[in-house]
N, C-alpha and C. Protein backbone atom coordinates (compact mmCIF):
# COMPACT_ATOMS: atom_id res chain seq x y z
N UNK A 1 0.83 -1.20 0.00
CA UNK A 1 0.00 0.00 0.00
C UNK A 1 0.87 1.25 0.00
N UNK A 2 0.39 2.26 -0.72
CA UNK A 2 1.11 3.53 -0.80
C UNK A 2 0.15 4.65 -0.42
N UNK A 3 0.66 5.62 0.30
CA UNK A 3 -0.11 6.80 0.66
C UNK A 3 0.28 7.95 -0.28
N UNK A 4 -0.71 8.59 -0.86
CA UNK A 4 -0.48 9.73 -1.75
C UNK A 4 -0.95 11.01 -1.09
N UNK A 5 -0.22 12.08 -1.31
CA UNK A 5 -0.55 13.40 -0.78
C UNK A 5 -0.42 14.42 -1.90
N UNK A 6 -1.13 15.51 -1.76
CA UNK A 6 -1.08 16.58 -2.77
C UNK A 6 -0.48 17.83 -2.13
N UNK A 7 0.63 18.29 -2.69
CA UNK A 7 1.23 19.55 -2.25
C UNK A 7 0.66 20.65 -3.14
N UNK A 8 -0.38 21.31 -2.63
CA UNK A 8 -1.08 22.31 -3.45
C UNK A 8 -0.69 23.74 -3.10
N UNK A 9 0.52 23.91 -2.58
CA UNK A 9 1.00 25.26 -2.27
C UNK A 9 1.43 25.99 -3.53
N UNK A 10 1.54 25.26 -4.65
CA UNK A 10 1.84 25.85 -5.95
C UNK A 10 0.84 25.30 -6.95
N UNK A 11 0.76 25.94 -8.09
CA UNK A 11 -0.15 25.49 -9.13
C UNK A 11 0.63 25.35 -10.44
N UNK A 12 0.55 24.18 -11.10
CA UNK A 12 -0.20 23.00 -10.68
C UNK A 12 0.47 22.33 -9.48
N UNK A 13 -0.29 21.55 -8.71
CA UNK A 13 0.26 20.93 -7.50
C UNK A 13 1.20 19.78 -7.81
N UNK A 14 1.94 19.35 -6.81
CA UNK A 14 2.84 18.20 -6.91
C UNK A 14 2.24 17.02 -6.16
N UNK A 15 2.65 15.83 -6.57
CA UNK A 15 2.23 14.61 -5.89
C UNK A 15 3.36 14.10 -5.01
N UNK A 16 3.05 13.82 -3.74
CA UNK A 16 3.99 13.20 -2.82
C UNK A 16 3.46 11.81 -2.48
N UNK A 17 4.35 10.87 -2.24
CA UNK A 17 3.87 9.54 -1.85
C UNK A 17 4.91 8.83 -1.00
N UNK A 18 4.43 7.86 -0.22
CA UNK A 18 5.33 7.09 0.64
C UNK A 18 4.74 5.70 0.86
N UNK A 19 5.63 4.73 1.04
CA UNK A 19 5.21 3.36 1.28
C UNK A 19 4.64 3.17 2.67
N UNK A 20 3.73 2.20 2.81
CA UNK A 20 3.11 1.91 4.10
C UNK A 20 4.12 1.34 5.10
N UNK A 21 5.05 0.50 4.59
CA UNK A 21 6.06 -0.09 5.47
C UNK A 21 7.34 -0.32 4.67
N UNK A 22 8.29 -1.00 5.28
CA UNK A 22 9.59 -1.18 4.65
C UNK A 22 9.52 -2.02 3.38
N UNK A 23 8.53 -2.91 3.28
CA UNK A 23 8.40 -3.71 2.07
C UNK A 23 7.97 -2.87 0.88
N UNK A 24 7.02 -1.96 1.10
CA UNK A 24 6.65 -1.03 0.03
C UNK A 24 7.80 -0.08 -0.29
N UNK A 25 8.54 0.31 0.75
CA UNK A 25 9.71 1.16 0.51
C UNK A 25 10.72 0.45 -0.39
N UNK A 26 10.87 -0.84 -0.16
CA UNK A 26 11.79 -1.63 -0.97
C UNK A 26 11.36 -1.65 -2.43
N UNK A 27 10.05 -1.78 -2.65
CA UNK A 27 9.53 -1.77 -4.02
C UNK A 27 9.74 -0.42 -4.68
N UNK A 28 9.55 0.64 -3.91
CA UNK A 28 9.76 1.98 -4.46
C UNK A 28 11.23 2.22 -4.78
N UNK A 29 12.11 1.68 -3.95
CA UNK A 29 13.55 1.80 -4.23
C UNK A 29 13.89 1.08 -5.54
N UNK A 30 13.25 -0.04 -5.76
CA UNK A 30 13.56 -0.84 -6.95
C UNK A 30 12.91 -0.30 -8.22
N UNK A 31 11.64 0.14 -8.08
CA UNK A 31 10.88 0.50 -9.27
C UNK A 31 10.52 1.99 -9.32
N UNK A 32 11.31 2.81 -8.63
CA UNK A 32 11.06 4.25 -8.69
C UNK A 32 11.30 4.80 -10.09
N UNK A 33 10.91 6.03 -10.28
CA UNK A 33 11.08 6.70 -11.58
C UNK A 33 12.26 7.65 -11.53
N UNK A 34 12.92 7.87 -12.65
CA UNK A 34 14.01 8.86 -12.69
C UNK A 34 13.56 10.26 -12.29
N UNK A 35 12.25 10.52 -12.41
CA UNK A 35 11.71 11.84 -12.04
C UNK A 35 11.43 11.97 -10.54
N UNK A 36 11.66 10.91 -9.78
CA UNK A 36 11.34 10.94 -8.35
C UNK A 36 12.49 11.48 -7.51
N UNK A 37 12.13 12.29 -6.52
CA UNK A 37 13.09 12.79 -5.53
C UNK A 37 12.76 12.13 -4.20
N UNK A 38 13.75 11.54 -3.57
CA UNK A 38 13.59 10.76 -2.33
C UNK A 38 13.95 11.62 -1.13
N UNK A 39 13.11 11.58 -0.09
CA UNK A 39 13.34 12.34 1.16
C UNK A 39 13.36 11.37 2.34
N UNK A 40 14.25 11.65 3.30
CA UNK A 40 14.36 10.80 4.49
C UNK A 40 15.01 11.59 5.61
N UNK A 41 14.59 11.34 6.84
CA UNK A 41 15.25 11.98 7.99
C UNK A 41 16.68 11.44 8.09
N UNK A 42 17.62 12.34 8.25
CA UNK A 42 19.02 11.95 8.29
C UNK A 42 19.36 11.22 9.60
N UNK A 43 19.92 10.03 9.45
CA UNK A 43 20.45 9.24 10.57
C UNK A 43 19.38 8.75 11.54
N UNK A 44 18.13 8.81 11.15
CA UNK A 44 17.04 8.29 11.97
C UNK A 44 16.10 7.48 11.09
N UNK A 45 15.38 6.58 11.71
CA UNK A 45 14.36 5.83 10.98
C UNK A 45 13.19 6.76 10.66
N UNK A 46 12.72 6.67 9.42
CA UNK A 46 11.59 7.50 9.02
C UNK A 46 10.95 6.91 7.77
N UNK A 47 9.81 7.48 7.41
CA UNK A 47 9.19 7.10 6.15
C UNK A 47 10.08 7.53 4.99
N UNK A 48 9.91 6.86 3.85
CA UNK A 48 10.56 7.28 2.62
C UNK A 48 9.53 8.06 1.82
N UNK A 49 9.71 9.35 1.72
CA UNK A 49 8.77 10.19 0.99
C UNK A 49 9.36 10.52 -0.37
N UNK A 50 8.52 10.42 -1.39
CA UNK A 50 8.95 10.71 -2.75
C UNK A 50 8.15 11.88 -3.32
N UNK A 51 8.83 12.69 -4.09
CA UNK A 51 8.21 13.79 -4.82
C UNK A 51 8.44 13.51 -6.31
N UNK A 52 7.39 13.52 -7.07
CA UNK A 52 7.54 13.27 -8.52
C UNK A 52 7.64 14.59 -9.26
N UNK A 53 8.78 14.81 -9.90
CA UNK A 53 9.00 16.04 -10.64
C UNK A 53 8.23 16.03 -11.96
N UNK A 54 8.06 17.21 -12.50
CA UNK A 54 7.43 17.35 -13.81
C UNK A 54 8.49 17.17 -14.90
N UNK A 55 8.02 17.03 -16.12
CA UNK A 55 8.93 16.81 -17.25
C UNK A 55 9.93 17.95 -17.37
N UNK A 56 11.19 17.58 -17.54
CA UNK A 56 12.31 18.52 -17.74
C UNK A 56 12.68 19.29 -16.47
N UNK A 57 12.07 18.99 -15.34
CA UNK A 57 12.46 19.63 -14.09
C UNK A 57 13.66 18.91 -13.47
N UNK A 58 14.44 19.64 -12.68
CA UNK A 58 15.54 19.06 -11.94
C UNK A 58 15.30 19.28 -10.45
N UNK A 59 16.13 18.67 -9.65
CA UNK A 59 15.99 18.80 -8.20
C UNK A 59 16.16 20.25 -7.75
N UNK A 60 16.89 21.03 -8.52
CA UNK A 60 17.10 22.44 -8.17
C UNK A 60 15.91 23.32 -8.53
N UNK A 61 14.95 22.76 -9.28
CA UNK A 61 13.77 23.54 -9.67
C UNK A 61 12.63 23.43 -8.67
N UNK A 62 12.78 22.59 -7.65
CA UNK A 62 11.68 22.38 -6.71
C UNK A 62 11.43 23.66 -5.90
N UNK A 63 10.20 24.17 -5.89
CA UNK A 63 9.91 25.36 -5.08
C UNK A 63 10.17 25.08 -3.59
N UNK A 64 10.64 26.08 -2.89
CA UNK A 64 10.96 25.91 -1.47
C UNK A 64 9.74 25.49 -0.67
N UNK A 65 8.58 26.00 -1.02
CA UNK A 65 7.36 25.65 -0.30
C UNK A 65 7.03 24.16 -0.44
N UNK A 66 7.37 23.59 -1.59
CA UNK A 66 7.13 22.15 -1.80
C UNK A 66 8.16 21.34 -1.02
N UNK A 67 9.39 21.79 -0.98
CA UNK A 67 10.41 21.13 -0.15
C UNK A 67 9.97 21.15 1.31
N UNK A 68 9.42 22.28 1.76
CA UNK A 68 8.93 22.37 3.15
C UNK A 68 7.85 21.32 3.41
N UNK A 69 6.96 21.10 2.45
CA UNK A 69 5.94 20.08 2.60
C UNK A 69 6.56 18.70 2.74
N UNK A 70 7.53 18.41 1.89
CA UNK A 70 8.17 17.09 1.90
C UNK A 70 8.88 16.82 3.22
N UNK A 71 9.64 17.77 3.70
CA UNK A 71 10.43 17.54 4.92
C UNK A 71 9.52 17.45 6.14
N UNK A 72 8.43 18.21 6.14
CA UNK A 72 7.49 18.13 7.26
C UNK A 72 6.78 16.77 7.26
N UNK A 73 6.48 16.25 6.08
CA UNK A 73 5.83 14.95 5.99
C UNK A 73 6.76 13.84 6.45
N UNK A 74 8.04 13.95 6.09
CA UNK A 74 9.04 12.98 6.53
C UNK A 74 9.18 13.02 8.05
N UNK A 75 9.32 14.22 8.59
CA UNK A 75 9.49 14.37 10.04
C UNK A 75 8.28 13.81 10.79
N UNK A 76 7.08 14.12 10.30
CA UNK A 76 5.86 13.67 10.98
C UNK A 76 5.71 12.16 10.96
N UNK A 77 6.38 11.51 10.00
CA UNK A 77 6.29 10.06 9.87
C UNK A 77 7.59 9.37 10.28
N UNK A 78 8.24 9.96 11.28
CA UNK A 78 9.42 9.37 11.91
C UNK A 78 9.13 9.28 13.41
N UNK A 79 9.19 8.09 13.96
CA UNK A 79 8.85 7.92 15.38
C UNK A 79 9.74 8.79 16.26
N UNK A 80 11.04 8.77 16.01
CA UNK A 80 11.96 9.59 16.79
C UNK A 80 11.99 11.02 16.30
N UNK A 81 12.04 11.16 14.98
CA UNK A 81 12.18 12.50 14.40
C UNK A 81 11.00 13.41 14.69
N UNK A 82 9.80 12.83 14.81
CA UNK A 82 8.62 13.65 15.05
C UNK A 82 8.69 14.35 16.40
N UNK A 83 9.46 13.81 17.32
CA UNK A 83 9.55 14.38 18.67
C UNK A 83 10.74 15.32 18.83
N UNK A 84 11.60 15.37 17.81
CA UNK A 84 12.83 16.15 17.94
C UNK A 84 12.74 17.45 17.15
N UNK A 85 13.44 18.45 17.67
CA UNK A 85 13.61 19.70 16.95
C UNK A 85 15.00 19.76 16.37
N UNK A 86 15.17 20.61 15.38
CA UNK A 86 16.49 20.85 14.77
C UNK A 86 17.13 19.56 14.28
N UNK A 87 16.42 18.86 13.44
CA UNK A 87 16.99 17.67 12.80
C UNK A 87 17.17 17.95 11.31
N UNK A 88 17.90 17.07 10.64
CA UNK A 88 18.16 17.23 9.21
C UNK A 88 17.38 16.21 8.39
N UNK A 89 16.94 16.64 7.24
CA UNK A 89 16.32 15.76 6.25
C UNK A 89 17.19 15.79 5.00
N UNK A 90 17.49 14.61 4.47
CA UNK A 90 18.29 14.53 3.26
C UNK A 90 17.38 14.18 2.09
N UNK A 91 17.77 14.64 0.91
CA UNK A 91 17.00 14.28 -0.28
C UNK A 91 17.91 14.24 -1.50
N UNK A 92 17.53 13.38 -2.45
CA UNK A 92 18.33 13.17 -3.65
C UNK A 92 17.44 12.54 -4.71
N UNK A 93 17.93 12.52 -5.94
CA UNK A 93 17.17 11.88 -7.01
C UNK A 93 17.15 10.37 -6.82
N UNK A 94 16.07 9.76 -7.25
CA UNK A 94 15.93 8.30 -7.12
C UNK A 94 17.13 7.56 -7.71
N UNK A 95 17.63 8.03 -8.84
CA UNK A 95 18.73 7.35 -9.52
C UNK A 95 20.00 7.30 -8.68
N UNK A 96 20.09 8.18 -7.67
CA UNK A 96 21.28 8.21 -6.82
C UNK A 96 21.18 7.23 -5.66
N UNK A 97 20.03 6.58 -5.49
CA UNK A 97 19.88 5.60 -4.42
C UNK A 97 20.64 4.33 -4.76
N UNK A 98 21.37 3.81 -3.80
CA UNK A 98 22.19 2.62 -4.00
C UNK A 98 21.71 1.49 -3.10
N UNK A 99 21.45 0.35 -3.70
CA UNK A 99 20.96 -0.81 -2.96
C UNK A 99 21.91 -1.98 -3.20
N UNK A 100 22.42 -2.57 -2.12
CA UNK A 100 23.31 -3.72 -2.23
C UNK A 100 22.69 -4.91 -1.50
N UNK A 101 23.19 -6.09 -1.80
CA UNK A 101 22.59 -7.32 -1.29
C UNK A 101 22.68 -7.43 0.23
N UNK A 102 23.69 -6.82 0.83
CA UNK A 102 23.86 -6.95 2.29
C UNK A 102 23.04 -5.95 3.10
N UNK A 103 22.26 -5.11 2.42
CA UNK A 103 21.45 -4.11 3.13
C UNK A 103 20.13 -4.71 3.58
N UNK A 104 19.62 -4.20 4.70
CA UNK A 104 18.32 -4.64 5.19
C UNK A 104 17.21 -4.17 4.26
N UNK A 105 16.04 -4.75 4.40
CA UNK A 105 14.89 -4.36 3.61
C UNK A 105 14.56 -2.89 3.88
N UNK A 106 14.45 -2.12 2.83
CA UNK A 106 14.14 -0.70 2.97
C UNK A 106 15.33 0.20 3.19
N UNK A 107 16.51 -0.39 3.37
CA UNK A 107 17.72 0.40 3.61
C UNK A 107 18.38 0.76 2.28
N UNK A 108 18.92 1.96 2.20
CA UNK A 108 19.60 2.40 0.97
C UNK A 108 20.85 3.19 1.31
N UNK A 109 21.71 3.29 0.31
CA UNK A 109 22.87 4.17 0.38
C UNK A 109 22.83 5.08 -0.83
N UNK A 110 23.97 5.70 -1.15
CA UNK A 110 24.02 6.63 -2.27
C UNK A 110 25.19 6.29 -3.18
N UNK A 111 24.98 6.48 -4.46
CA UNK A 111 26.08 6.32 -5.41
C UNK A 111 27.06 7.49 -5.29
N UNK A 112 26.53 8.67 -5.09
CA UNK A 112 27.37 9.87 -5.02
C UNK A 112 26.86 10.77 -3.89
N UNK A 113 27.63 10.85 -2.81
CA UNK A 113 27.22 11.67 -1.66
C UNK A 113 27.10 13.15 -2.01
N UNK A 114 27.84 13.59 -3.04
CA UNK A 114 27.79 15.00 -3.42
C UNK A 114 26.45 15.39 -4.03
N UNK A 115 25.69 14.41 -4.46
CA UNK A 115 24.38 14.68 -5.06
C UNK A 115 23.25 14.62 -4.04
N UNK A 116 23.62 14.49 -2.77
CA UNK A 116 22.62 14.46 -1.70
C UNK A 116 22.51 15.84 -1.07
N UNK A 117 21.30 16.36 -1.02
CA UNK A 117 21.06 17.67 -0.41
C UNK A 117 20.53 17.49 1.02
N UNK A 118 20.74 18.49 1.83
CA UNK A 118 20.32 18.41 3.24
C UNK A 118 19.64 19.71 3.64
N UNK A 119 18.56 19.58 4.41
CA UNK A 119 17.84 20.76 4.88
C UNK A 119 17.56 20.59 6.38
N UNK A 120 17.75 21.65 7.13
CA UNK A 120 17.50 21.64 8.56
C UNK A 120 16.01 21.94 8.84
N UNK A 121 15.42 21.11 9.69
CA UNK A 121 14.02 21.29 10.07
C UNK A 121 13.99 21.65 11.55
N UNK A 122 13.60 22.86 11.85
CA UNK A 122 13.64 23.33 13.23
C UNK A 122 12.58 22.66 14.10
N UNK A 123 11.38 22.53 13.57
CA UNK A 123 10.29 21.95 14.37
C UNK A 123 9.18 21.48 13.45
N UNK A 124 8.27 20.72 14.02
CA UNK A 124 7.09 20.27 13.28
C UNK A 124 6.14 21.46 13.12
N UNK A 125 5.64 21.61 11.90
CA UNK A 125 4.65 22.67 11.62
C UNK A 125 3.32 21.98 11.36
N UNK A 126 2.47 21.99 12.35
CA UNK A 126 1.21 21.27 12.28
C UNK A 126 0.32 21.74 11.13
N UNK A 127 0.39 23.00 10.81
CA UNK A 127 -0.43 23.55 9.73
C UNK A 127 -0.13 22.82 8.41
N UNK A 128 1.17 22.58 8.15
CA UNK A 128 1.57 21.89 6.92
C UNK A 128 1.15 20.43 6.97
N UNK A 129 1.44 19.77 8.08
CA UNK A 129 1.14 18.34 8.21
C UNK A 129 -0.37 18.10 8.10
N UNK A 130 -1.16 18.92 8.75
CA UNK A 130 -2.62 18.76 8.70
C UNK A 130 -3.16 19.00 7.29
N UNK A 131 -2.61 20.00 6.60
CA UNK A 131 -3.05 20.28 5.23
C UNK A 131 -2.77 19.10 4.31
N UNK A 132 -1.59 18.52 4.45
CA UNK A 132 -1.23 17.38 3.61
C UNK A 132 -2.09 16.16 3.95
N UNK A 133 -2.33 15.94 5.22
CA UNK A 133 -3.12 14.77 5.64
C UNK A 133 -4.56 14.84 5.12
N UNK A 134 -5.06 16.04 4.89
CA UNK A 134 -6.42 16.18 4.35
C UNK A 134 -6.49 15.71 2.89
N UNK A 135 -5.35 15.66 2.22
CA UNK A 135 -5.33 15.22 0.82
C UNK A 135 -4.94 13.75 0.69
N UNK A 136 -4.73 13.09 1.79
CA UNK A 136 -4.19 11.72 1.81
C UNK A 136 -5.16 10.71 1.20
N UNK A 137 -4.63 9.89 0.28
CA UNK A 137 -5.38 8.77 -0.30
C UNK A 137 -4.50 7.54 -0.26
N UNK A 138 -5.12 6.37 -0.42
CA UNK A 138 -4.40 5.11 -0.39
C UNK A 138 -4.59 4.36 -1.70
N UNK A 139 -3.58 3.60 -2.07
CA UNK A 139 -3.67 2.77 -3.28
C UNK A 139 -2.68 1.63 -3.16
N UNK A 140 -2.90 0.60 -3.96
CA UNK A 140 -1.98 -0.55 -4.00
C UNK A 140 -1.52 -0.77 -5.43
N UNK A 141 -0.67 0.09 -5.93
CA UNK A 141 -0.26 0.02 -7.33
C UNK A 141 0.73 -1.11 -7.60
N UNK A 142 0.81 -1.48 -8.86
CA UNK A 142 1.83 -2.41 -9.32
C UNK A 142 3.02 -1.56 -9.75
N UNK A 143 4.02 -1.44 -8.86
CA UNK A 143 5.15 -0.55 -9.12
C UNK A 143 5.89 -0.92 -10.40
N UNK A 144 6.09 -2.22 -10.59
CA UNK A 144 6.82 -2.67 -11.77
C UNK A 144 6.06 -2.33 -13.05
N UNK A 145 4.77 -2.58 -13.06
CA UNK A 145 3.96 -2.30 -14.25
C UNK A 145 3.95 -0.80 -14.56
N UNK A 146 3.85 0.01 -13.52
CA UNK A 146 3.87 1.46 -13.73
C UNK A 146 5.19 1.92 -14.31
N UNK A 147 6.29 1.37 -13.81
CA UNK A 147 7.61 1.77 -14.31
C UNK A 147 7.80 1.30 -15.75
N UNK A 148 7.36 0.09 -16.06
CA UNK A 148 7.51 -0.41 -17.42
C UNK A 148 6.66 0.39 -18.40
N UNK A 149 5.48 0.81 -17.97
CA UNK A 149 4.63 1.65 -18.82
C UNK A 149 5.27 3.01 -19.03
N UNK A 150 5.83 3.56 -17.97
CA UNK A 150 6.53 4.84 -18.09
C UNK A 150 7.69 4.75 -19.07
N UNK A 151 8.48 3.66 -18.97
CA UNK A 151 9.63 3.48 -19.85
C UNK A 151 9.19 3.27 -21.30
N UNK A 152 8.07 2.56 -21.50
CA UNK A 152 7.56 2.34 -22.85
C UNK A 152 7.19 3.67 -23.51
N UNK A 153 6.51 4.53 -22.76
CA UNK A 153 6.12 5.83 -23.30
C UNK A 153 7.35 6.68 -23.60
N UNK A 154 8.36 6.58 -22.75
CA UNK A 154 9.58 7.35 -22.99
C UNK A 154 10.28 6.88 -24.26
N UNK A 155 10.33 5.55 -24.47
CA UNK A 155 10.94 5.04 -25.69
C UNK A 155 10.19 5.52 -26.94
N UNK A 156 8.87 5.51 -26.86
CA UNK A 156 8.06 5.98 -27.99
C UNK A 156 8.33 7.46 -28.25
N UNK A 157 8.42 8.23 -27.18
CA UNK A 157 8.69 9.65 -27.32
C UNK A 157 10.07 9.89 -27.94
N UNK A 158 11.05 9.11 -27.51
CA UNK A 158 12.40 9.25 -28.06
C UNK A 158 12.44 8.87 -29.54
N UNK A 159 11.66 7.83 -29.90
CA UNK A 159 11.60 7.44 -31.30
C UNK A 159 10.98 8.55 -32.16
N UNK A 160 9.93 9.17 -31.64
CA UNK A 160 9.30 10.28 -32.37
C UNK A 160 10.27 11.43 -32.56
N UNK A 161 11.02 11.72 -31.50
CA UNK A 161 12.02 12.81 -31.58
C UNK A 161 13.07 12.47 -32.63
N UNK A 162 13.53 11.22 -32.65
CA UNK A 162 14.53 10.81 -33.63
C UNK A 162 14.00 10.90 -35.05
N UNK A 163 12.75 10.47 -35.25
CA UNK A 163 12.15 10.55 -36.58
C UNK A 163 12.02 12.00 -37.03
N UNK A 164 11.56 12.86 -36.12
CA UNK A 164 11.43 14.28 -36.45
C UNK A 164 12.79 14.90 -36.74
N UNK A 165 13.81 14.50 -35.99
CA UNK A 165 15.14 15.03 -36.21
C UNK A 165 15.67 14.60 -37.57
N UNK A 166 15.47 13.34 -37.93
CA UNK A 166 15.92 12.86 -39.24
C UNK A 166 15.18 13.58 -40.36
N UNK A 167 13.89 13.85 -40.16
CA UNK A 167 13.12 14.57 -41.16
C UNK A 167 13.64 15.99 -41.33
N UNK A 168 13.96 16.64 -40.22
CA UNK A 168 14.52 18.00 -40.29
C UNK A 168 15.87 17.99 -41.00
N UNK A 169 16.69 16.98 -40.70
CA UNK A 169 18.00 16.89 -41.35
C UNK A 169 17.84 16.65 -42.85
N UNK A 170 16.87 15.83 -43.21
CA UNK A 170 16.61 15.55 -44.62
C UNK A 170 16.15 16.81 -45.35
N UNK A 171 15.26 17.57 -44.71
CA UNK A 171 14.78 18.80 -45.31
C UNK A 171 15.89 19.84 -45.42
N UNK A 172 16.76 19.90 -44.40
CA UNK A 172 17.87 20.84 -44.43
C UNK A 172 18.85 20.47 -45.54
N UNK A 173 19.11 19.18 -45.72
CA UNK A 173 20.00 18.73 -46.79
C UNK A 173 19.41 19.06 -48.16
N UNK A 174 18.10 18.88 -48.29
CA UNK A 174 17.44 19.21 -49.55
C UNK A 174 17.53 20.70 -49.82
N UNK A 175 17.35 21.51 -48.78
CA UNK A 175 17.44 22.96 -48.93
C UNK A 175 18.84 23.39 -49.36
N UNK A 176 19.85 22.80 -48.74
CA UNK A 176 21.23 23.14 -49.11
C UNK A 176 21.52 22.74 -50.55
N UNK A 177 21.01 21.58 -50.96
CA UNK A 177 21.23 21.11 -52.33
C UNK A 177 20.56 22.05 -53.33
N UNK A 178 19.34 22.49 -53.01
CA UNK A 178 18.64 23.41 -53.90
C UNK A 178 19.37 24.74 -53.98
N UNK A 179 19.93 25.21 -52.85
CA UNK A 179 20.69 26.47 -52.86
C UNK A 179 21.95 26.32 -53.69
N UNK A 180 22.61 25.16 -53.58
CA UNK A 180 23.82 24.93 -54.36
C UNK A 180 23.50 24.90 -55.86
N UNK A 181 22.39 24.28 -56.22
CA UNK A 181 22.00 24.22 -57.63
C UNK A 181 21.64 25.61 -58.15
N UNK A 182 21.00 26.42 -57.30
CA UNK A 182 20.64 27.79 -57.69
C UNK A 182 21.89 28.62 -57.92
N UNK A 183 22.87 28.50 -57.03
CA UNK A 183 24.13 29.25 -57.20
C UNK A 183 24.84 28.81 -58.46
N UNK A 184 24.82 27.52 -58.74
CA UNK A 184 25.48 27.01 -59.95
C UNK A 184 24.81 27.53 -61.20
N UNK A 185 23.49 27.61 -61.22
CA UNK A 185 22.74 28.10 -62.36
C UNK A 185 23.03 29.57 -62.60
N UNK A 186 23.07 30.35 -61.49
CA UNK A 186 23.36 31.78 -61.62
C UNK A 186 24.76 32.01 -62.17
N UNK A 187 25.71 31.16 -61.79
CA UNK A 187 27.08 31.29 -62.29
C UNK A 187 27.13 31.06 -63.79
N UNK A 188 26.42 30.05 -64.25
CA UNK A 188 26.39 29.74 -65.68
C UNK A 188 25.75 30.86 -66.49
N UNK A 189 24.87 31.63 -65.88
CA UNK A 189 24.15 32.69 -66.59
C UNK A 189 24.91 34.01 -66.59
N UNK A 190 26.10 34.08 -65.99
CA UNK A 190 26.88 35.31 -66.01
C UNK A 190 27.33 35.64 -67.43
N UNK A 191 27.44 36.93 -67.77
CA UNK A 191 27.70 37.36 -69.13
C UNK A 191 29.02 36.84 -69.67
N UNK A 192 30.04 36.72 -68.81
CA UNK A 192 31.35 36.28 -69.32
C UNK A 192 31.34 34.84 -69.77
N UNK A 193 30.32 34.07 -69.35
CA UNK A 193 30.23 32.67 -69.76
C UNK A 193 29.26 32.49 -70.93
N UNK A 194 28.63 33.59 -71.36
CA UNK A 194 27.63 33.49 -72.41
C UNK A 194 28.24 33.81 -73.77
N UNK A 195 27.73 33.18 -74.85
CA UNK A 195 28.20 33.39 -76.22
C UNK A 195 27.02 33.78 -77.11
N UNK A 196 27.33 34.51 -78.21
CA UNK A 196 26.28 34.85 -79.20
C UNK A 196 26.60 34.16 -80.51
N UNK A 197 25.69 34.22 -81.42
CA UNK A 197 25.91 33.60 -82.74
C UNK A 197 26.31 34.63 -83.78
N UNK A 198 26.77 35.82 -83.29
CA UNK A 198 27.14 36.89 -84.21
C UNK A 198 28.30 36.47 -85.11
N UNK A 199 29.32 35.89 -84.52
CA UNK A 199 30.47 35.46 -85.30
C UNK A 199 30.11 34.40 -86.33
N UNK A 200 29.20 33.52 -85.95
CA UNK A 200 28.79 32.47 -86.86
C UNK A 200 28.08 33.05 -88.08
N UNK A 201 27.29 34.14 -87.90
CA UNK A 201 26.57 34.77 -89.03
C UNK A 201 27.54 35.39 -90.00
N UNK A 202 28.64 36.01 -89.53
CA UNK A 202 29.64 36.62 -90.38
C UNK A 202 30.30 35.58 -91.26
N UNK A 203 30.57 34.41 -90.66
CA UNK A 203 31.22 33.35 -91.43
C UNK A 203 30.32 32.89 -92.58
N UNK A 204 29.02 32.86 -92.31
CA UNK A 204 28.09 32.43 -93.38
C UNK A 204 28.12 33.44 -94.53
N UNK A 205 28.22 34.75 -94.18
CA UNK A 205 28.23 35.77 -95.22
C UNK A 205 29.48 35.65 -96.08
N UNK A 206 30.63 35.37 -95.47
CA UNK A 206 31.87 35.24 -96.23
C UNK A 206 31.79 34.05 -97.17
N UNK A 207 31.15 33.00 -96.72
CA UNK A 207 31.08 31.79 -97.54
C UNK A 207 30.26 32.06 -98.80
N UNK A 208 29.22 32.88 -98.63
CA UNK A 208 28.39 33.20 -99.77
C UNK A 208 29.14 34.13 -100.72
């Protein structure tokens, strides 16, 4: 089971989601999307909260108000973290999550620590947590099927882009060829390359 939340502090809103337990977290670690940003309380047990970015967005494009929603949701869903002030929440792109065979279920590391961002959370803000909880819904999605469908659409999109690019290149090549032929024709029509039949007429007169 997965819990979904709506961060409607911006328009259009963002979708946040988290697994019900460590088993769902494990599935999200395995079948997450490249567009997902992962949030977790630093050095404490907590929920794994994900934010799904929009197309062409990066982690640096996330509005601060949306980051505030994510970190408050993570803190509120940490048994220890919910009671503490001045703790840190780390976040990074899903692709930076590292999973090895010796790790416990739901546990992750990072491929590159430099790509992990950290934000200090001074205290729980009930106004944010309550607003998010009002948007809470539950679902039991097939993570693998969703990821495979996402990848299929991306491949189709990439193929369309490639076809369009080849068409543009073909049209550009045709345009260059037509311009080259036009320049060649204009060169042939220059006066210094042109001849008259005046000399030929004089020769005919002499023959007569």
